Amino acid sequence: PLWPILVSLAEVEARCGNHVAAQSL
């Protein structure tokens, strides 16, 4: 379950403009 959570968190970060954090996730 962790990897889809990380992918969704990456989408959250991308929507917030945090593209480096999104890529890391």
PDB file of all heavy atoms in Angstrom:
ATOM      1  N   PRO A   1       0.809  -1.224   0.000  1.00  0.00           N
ATOM      2  CA  PRO A   1       0.000   0.000   0.000  1.00  0.00           C
ATOM      3  C   PRO A   1       0.844   1.278   0.000  1.00  0.00           C
ATOM      4  O   PRO A   1       0.334   2.355  -0.313  1.00  0.00           O
ATOM      5  CB  PRO A   1      -0.808  -0.100   1.291  1.00  0.00           C
ATOM      6  CG  PRO A   1       0.028  -0.942   2.194  1.00  0.00           C
ATOM      7  CD  PRO A   1       0.749  -1.912   1.290  1.00  0.00           C
ATOM      8  N   LEU A   2       2.134   1.169   0.311  1.00  0.00           N
ATOM      9  CA  LEU A   2       2.951   2.370   0.438  1.00  0.00           C
ATOM     10  C   LEU A   2       3.213   3.044  -0.900  1.00  0.00           C
ATOM     11  O   LEU A   2       3.134   4.263  -1.008  1.00  0.00           O
ATOM     12  CB  LEU A   2       4.270   2.056   1.153  1.00  0.00           C
ATOM     13  CG  LEU A   2       5.202   3.238   1.400  1.00  0.00           C
ATOM     14  CD1 LEU A   2       4.501   4.355   2.172  1.00  0.00           C
ATOM     15  CD2 LEU A   2       6.455   2.772   2.136  1.00  0.00           C
ATOM     16  N   TRP A   3       3.520   2.267  -1.931  1.00  0.00           N
ATOM     17  CA  TRP A   3       3.882   2.928  -3.183  1.00  0.00           C
ATOM     18  C   TRP A   3       2.732   3.744  -3.778  1.00  0.00           C
ATOM     19  O   TRP A   3       2.973   4.863  -4.249  1.00  0.00           O
ATOM     20  CB  TRP A   3       4.522   1.953  -4.190  1.00  0.00           C
ATOM     21  CG  TRP A   3       3.598   0.981  -4.838  1.00  0.00           C
ATOM     22  CD1 TRP A   3       3.361  -0.299  -4.449  1.00  0.00           C
ATOM     23  CD2 TRP A   3       2.794   1.203  -5.984  1.00  0.00           C
ATOM     24  NE1 TRP A   3       2.440  -0.880  -5.290  1.00  0.00           N
ATOM     25  CE2 TRP A   3       2.088   0.017  -6.241  1.00  0.00           C
ATOM     26  CE3 TRP A   3       2.588   2.291  -6.833  1.00  0.00           C
ATOM     27  CZ2 TRP A   3       1.192  -0.109  -7.304  1.00  0.00           C
ATOM     28  CZ3 TRP A   3       1.701   2.170  -7.897  1.00  0.00           C
ATOM     29  CH2 TRP A   3       1.018   0.972  -8.122  1.00  0.00           C
ATOM     30  N   PRO A   4       1.461   3.262  -3.762  1.00  0.00           N
ATOM     31  CA  PRO A   4       0.398   4.131  -4.296  1.00  0.00           C
ATOM     32  C   PRO A   4       0.169   5.373  -3.429  1.00  0.00           C
ATOM     33  O   PRO A   4      -0.215   6.430  -3.934  1.00  0.00           O
ATOM     34  CB  PRO A   4      -0.847   3.258  -4.330  1.00  0.00           C
ATOM     35  CG  PRO A   4      -0.454   1.898  -3.926  1.00  0.00           C
ATOM     36  CD  PRO A   4       0.949   1.934  -3.436  1.00  0.00           C
ATOM     37  N   ILE A   5       0.416   5.240  -2.137  1.00  0.00           N
ATOM     38  CA  ILE A   5       0.306   6.404  -1.252  1.00  0.00           C
ATOM     39  C   ILE A   5       1.347   7.438  -1.653  1.00  0.00           C
ATOM     40  O   ILE A   5       1.047   8.632  -1.762  1.00  0.00           O
ATOM     41  CB  ILE A   5       0.465   5.985   0.225  1.00  0.00           C
ATOM     42  CG1 ILE A   5      -0.747   5.181   0.688  1.00  0.00           C
ATOM     43  CG2 ILE A   5       0.683   7.204   1.116  1.00  0.00           C
ATOM     44  CD1 ILE A   5      -0.590   4.512   2.041  1.00  0.00           C
ATOM     45  N   LEU A   6       2.567   6.989  -1.904  1.00  0.00           N
ATOM     46  CA  LEU A   6       3.639   7.902  -2.304  1.00  0.00           C
ATOM     47  C   LEU A   6       3.328   8.568  -3.646  1.00  0.00           C
ATOM     48  O   LEU A   6       3.596   9.762  -3.837  1.00  0.00           O
ATOM     49  CB  LEU A   6       4.974   7.172  -2.353  1.00  0.00           C
ATOM     50  CG  LEU A   6       5.486   6.648  -1.014  1.00  0.00           C
ATOM     51  CD1 LEU A   6       6.731   5.794  -1.205  1.00  0.00           C
ATOM     52  CD2 LEU A   6       5.737   7.790  -0.036  1.00  0.00           C
ATOM     53  N   VAL A   7       2.750   7.825  -4.567  1.00  0.00           N
ATOM     54  CA  VAL A   7       2.371   8.391  -5.860  1.00  0.00           C
ATOM     55  C   VAL A   7       1.305   9.470  -5.670  1.00  0.00           C
ATOM     56  O   VAL A   7       1.380  10.548  -6.272  1.00  0.00           O
ATOM     57  CB  VAL A   7       1.884   7.280  -6.826  1.00  0.00           C
ATOM     58  CG1 VAL A   7       1.239   7.870  -8.073  1.00  0.00           C
ATOM     59  CG2 VAL A   7       3.036   6.365  -7.197  1.00  0.00           C
ATOM     60  N   SER A   8       0.341   9.197  -4.813  1.00  0.00           N
ATOM     61  CA  SER A   8      -0.707  10.192  -4.546  1.00  0.00           C
ATOM     62  C   SER A   8      -0.141  11.408  -3.823  1.00  0.00           C
ATOM     63  O   SER A   8      -0.533  12.549  -4.111  1.00  0.00           O
ATOM     64  CB  SER A   8      -1.838   9.558  -3.741  1.00  0.00           C
ATOM     65  OG  SER A   8      -2.472   8.537  -4.500  1.00  0.00           O
ATOM     66  N   LEU A   9       0.778  11.187  -2.897  1.00  0.00           N
ATOM     67  CA  LEU A   9       1.435  12.313  -2.234  1.00  0.00           C
ATOM     68  C   LEU A   9       2.250  13.135  -3.236  1.00  0.00           C
ATOM     69  O   LEU A   9       2.326  14.370  -3.115  1.00  0.00           O
ATOM     70  CB  LEU A   9       2.332  11.823  -1.097  1.00  0.00           C
ATOM     71  CG  LEU A   9       1.623  11.517   0.212  1.00  0.00           C
ATOM     72  CD1 LEU A   9       2.552  10.775   1.174  1.00  0.00           C
ATOM     73  CD2 LEU A   9       1.091  12.797   0.851  1.00  0.00           C
ATOM     74  N   ALA A  10       2.834  12.472  -4.215  1.00  0.00           N
ATOM     75  CA  ALA A  10       3.557  13.195  -5.264  1.00  0.00           C
ATOM     76  C   ALA A  10       2.605  14.104  -6.033  1.00  0.00           C
ATOM     77  O   ALA A  10       2.957  15.242  -6.376  1.00  0.00           O
ATOM     78  CB  ALA A  10       4.247  12.205  -6.204  1.00  0.00           C
ATOM     79  N   GLU A  11       1.407  13.618  -6.276  1.00  0.00           N
ATOM     80  CA  GLU A  11       0.413  14.449  -6.959  1.00  0.00           C
ATOM     81  C   GLU A  11       0.035  15.655  -6.094  1.00  0.00           C
ATOM     82  O   GLU A  11      -0.117  16.770  -6.598  1.00  0.00           O
ATOM     83  CB  GLU A  11      -0.824  13.637  -7.316  1.00  0.00           C
ATOM     84  CG  GLU A  11      -1.807  14.435  -8.145  1.00  0.00           C
ATOM     85  CD  GLU A  11      -2.997  13.632  -8.632  1.00  0.00           C
ATOM     86  OE1 GLU A  11      -2.949  12.386  -8.622  1.00  0.00           O
ATOM     87  OE2 GLU A  11      -3.991  14.274  -9.011  1.00  0.00           O
ATOM     88  N   VAL A  12      -0.103  15.430  -4.801  1.00  0.00           N
ATOM     89  CA  VAL A  12      -0.384  16.539  -3.882  1.00  0.00           C
ATOM     90  C   VAL A  12       0.728  17.579  -3.971  1.00  0.00           C
ATOM     91  O   VAL A  12       0.471  18.785  -4.115  1.00  0.00           O
ATOM     92  CB  VAL A  12      -0.543  16.027  -2.425  1.00  0.00           C
ATOM     93  CG1 VAL A  12      -0.507  17.175  -1.433  1.00  0.00           C
ATOM     94  CG2 VAL A  12      -1.833  15.230  -2.272  1.00  0.00           C
ATOM     95  N   GLU A  13       1.965  17.124  -3.880  1.00  0.00           N
ATOM     96  CA  GLU A  13       3.105  18.039  -3.931  1.00  0.00           C
ATOM     97  C   GLU A  13       3.167  18.777  -5.263  1.00  0.00           C
ATOM     98  O   GLU A  13       3.451  19.983  -5.303  1.00  0.00           O
ATOM     99  CB  GLU A  13       4.411  17.302  -3.650  1.00  0.00           C
ATOM    100  CG  GLU A  13       4.535  16.760  -2.238  1.00  0.00           C
ATOM    101  CD  GLU A  13       4.479  17.831  -1.156  1.00  0.00           C
ATOM    102  OE1 GLU A  13       4.741  19.021  -1.437  1.00  0.00           O
ATOM    103  OE2 GLU A  13       4.175  17.470  -0.007  1.00  0.00           O
ATOM    104  N   ALA A  14       2.902  18.093  -6.349  1.00  0.00           N
ATOM    105  CA  ALA A  14       2.913  18.727  -7.667  1.00  0.00           C
ATOM    106  C   ALA A  14       1.834  19.806  -7.751  1.00  0.00           C
ATOM    107  O   ALA A  14       2.086  20.901  -8.279  1.00  0.00           O
ATOM    108  CB  ALA A  14       2.722  17.678  -8.761  1.00  0.00           C
ATOM    109  N   ARG A  15       0.665  19.511  -7.227  1.00  0.00           N
ATOM    110  CA  ARG A  15      -0.413  20.517  -7.242  1.00  0.00           C
ATOM    111  C   ARG A  15      -0.058  21.741  -6.403  1.00  0.00           C
ATOM    112  O   ARG A  15      -0.540  22.830  -6.662  1.00  0.00           O
ATOM    113  CB  ARG A  15      -1.721  19.918  -6.738  1.00  0.00           C
ATOM    114  CG  ARG A  15      -2.371  18.986  -7.728  1.00  0.00           C
ATOM    115  CD  ARG A  15      -3.774  18.654  -7.288  1.00  0.00           C
ATOM    116  NE  ARG A  15      -4.349  17.623  -8.124  1.00  0.00           N
ATOM    117  CZ  ARG A  15      -5.612  17.254  -8.046  1.00  0.00           C
ATOM    118  NH1 ARG A  15      -6.418  17.816  -7.168  1.00  0.00           N
ATOM    119  NH2 ARG A  15      -6.073  16.308  -8.828  1.00  0.00           N
ATOM    120  N   CYS A  16       0.782  21.532  -5.400  1.00  0.00           N
ATOM    121  CA  CYS A  16       1.207  22.643  -4.538  1.00  0.00           C
ATOM    122  C   CYS A  16       2.446  23.342  -5.083  1.00  0.00           C
ATOM    123  O   CYS A  16       2.966  24.263  -4.453  1.00  0.00           O
ATOM    124  CB  CYS A  16       1.466  22.132  -3.119  1.00  0.00           C
ATOM    125  SG  CYS A  16      -0.029  21.586  -2.277  1.00  0.00           S
ATOM    126  N   GLY A  17       2.940  22.883  -6.236  1.00  0.00           N
ATOM    127  CA  GLY A  17       4.109  23.499  -6.842  1.00  0.00           C
ATOM    128  C   GLY A  17       5.435  23.000  -6.309  1.00  0.00           C
ATOM    129  O   GLY A  17       6.482  23.539  -6.643  1.00  0.00           O
ATOM    130  N   ASN A  18       5.406  21.959  -5.500  1.00  0.00           N
ATOM    131  CA  ASN A  18       6.628  21.385  -4.913  1.00  0.00           C
ATOM    132  C   ASN A  18       7.131  20.245  -5.807  1.00  0.00           C
ATOM    133  O   ASN A  18       7.053  19.078  -5.441  1.00  0.00           O
ATOM    134  CB  ASN A  18       6.355  20.881  -3.498  1.00  0.00           C
ATOM    135  CG  ASN A  18       5.828  21.975  -2.598  1.00  0.00           C
ATOM    136  OD1 ASN A  18       6.201  23.126  -2.735  1.00  0.00           O
ATOM    137  ND2 ASN A  18       4.942  21.610  -1.686  1.00  0.00           N
ATOM    138  N   HIS A  19       7.665  20.603  -6.963  1.00  0.00           N
ATOM    139  CA  HIS A  19       8.011  19.592  -7.968  1.00  0.00           C
ATOM    140  C   HIS A  19       9.203  18.725  -7.565  1.00  0.00           C
ATOM    141  O   HIS A  19       9.261  17.551  -7.932  1.00  0.00           O
ATOM    142  CB  HIS A  19       8.227  20.265  -9.320  1.00  0.00           C
ATOM    143  CG  HIS A  19       6.995  20.971  -9.786  1.00  0.00           C
ATOM    144  ND1 HIS A  19       5.857  20.301 -10.183  1.00  0.00           N
ATOM    145  CD2 HIS A  19       6.698  22.298  -9.860  1.00  0.00           C
ATOM    146  CE1 HIS A  19       4.921  21.166 -10.499  1.00  0.00           C
ATOM    147  NE2 HIS A  19       5.391  22.393 -10.308  1.00  0.00           N
ATOM    148  N   VAL A  20      10.135  19.276  -6.807  1.00  0.00           N
ATOM    149  CA  VAL A  20      11.276  18.478  -6.341  1.00  0.00           C
ATOM    150  C   VAL A  20      10.785  17.410  -5.364  1.00  0.00           C
ATOM    151  O   VAL A  20      11.173  16.239  -5.464  1.00  0.00           O
ATOM    152  CB  VAL A  20      12.353  19.378  -5.699  1.00  0.00           C
ATOM    153  CG1 VAL A  20      13.438  18.542  -5.041  1.00  0.00           C
ATOM    154  CG2 VAL A  20      12.944  20.322  -6.737  1.00  0.00           C
ATOM    155  N   ALA A  21       9.919  17.790  -4.436  1.00  0.00           N
ATOM    156  CA  ALA A  21       9.354  16.824  -3.487  1.00  0.00           C
ATOM    157  C   ALA A  21       8.527  15.779  -4.225  1.00  0.00           C
ATOM    158  O   ALA A  21       8.585  14.582  -3.898  1.00  0.00           O
ATOM    159  CB  ALA A  21       8.510  17.539  -2.440  1.00  0.00           C
ATOM    160  N   ALA A  22       7.771  16.218  -5.229  1.00  0.00           N
ATOM    161  CA  ALA A  22       6.948  15.279  -6.007  1.00  0.00           C
ATOM    162  C   ALA A  22       7.826  14.245  -6.700  1.00  0.00           C
ATOM    163  O   ALA A  22       7.532  13.038  -6.666  1.00  0.00           O
ATOM    164  CB  ALA A  22       6.101  16.039  -7.023  1.00  0.00           C
ATOM    165  N   GLN A  23       8.908  14.700  -7.302  1.00  0.00           N
ATOM    166  CA  GLN A  23       9.817  13.786  -7.989  1.00  0.00           C
ATOM    167  C   GLN A  23      10.460  12.812  -7.012  1.00  0.00           C
ATOM    168  O   GLN A  23      10.607  11.631  -7.305  1.00  0.00           O
ATOM    169  CB  GLN A  23      10.889  14.557  -8.766  1.00  0.00           C
ATOM    170  CG  GLN A  23      11.797  13.672  -9.584  1.00  0.00           C
ATOM    171  CD  GLN A  23      11.032  12.835 -10.599  1.00  0.00           C
ATOM    172  OE1 GLN A  23      10.022  13.244 -11.142  1.00  0.00           O
ATOM    173  NE2 GLN A  23      11.517  11.630 -10.849  1.00  0.00           N
ATOM    174  N   SER A  24      10.827  13.291  -5.850  1.00  0.00           N
ATOM    175  CA  SER A  24      11.423  12.429  -4.831  1.00  0.00           C
ATOM    176  C   SER A  24      10.443  11.349  -4.385  1.00  0.00           C
ATOM    177  O   SER A  24      10.820  10.181  -4.221  1.00  0.00           O
ATOM    178  CB  SER A  24      11.857  13.283  -3.638  1.00  0.00           C
ATOM    179  OG  SER A  24      12.356  12.464  -2.615  1.00  0.00           O
ATOM    180  N   LEU A  25       9.200  11.714  -4.209  1.00  0.00           N
ATOM    181  CA  LEU A  25       8.170  10.735  -3.814  1.00  0.00           C
ATOM    182  C   LEU A  25       7.947   9.707  -4.918  1.00  0.00           C
ATOM    183  O   LEU A  25       7.818   8.507  -4.642  1.00  0.00           O
ATOM    184  CB  LEU A  25       6.866  11.450  -3.462  1.00  0.00           C
ATOM    185  CG  LEU A  25       6.884  12.211  -2.151  1.00  0.00           C
ATOM    186  CD1 LEU A  25       5.753  13.236  -2.094  1.00  0.00           C
ATOM    187  CD2 LEU A  25       6.799  11.242  -0.979  1.00  0.00           C
TER     188      LEU A  25
END
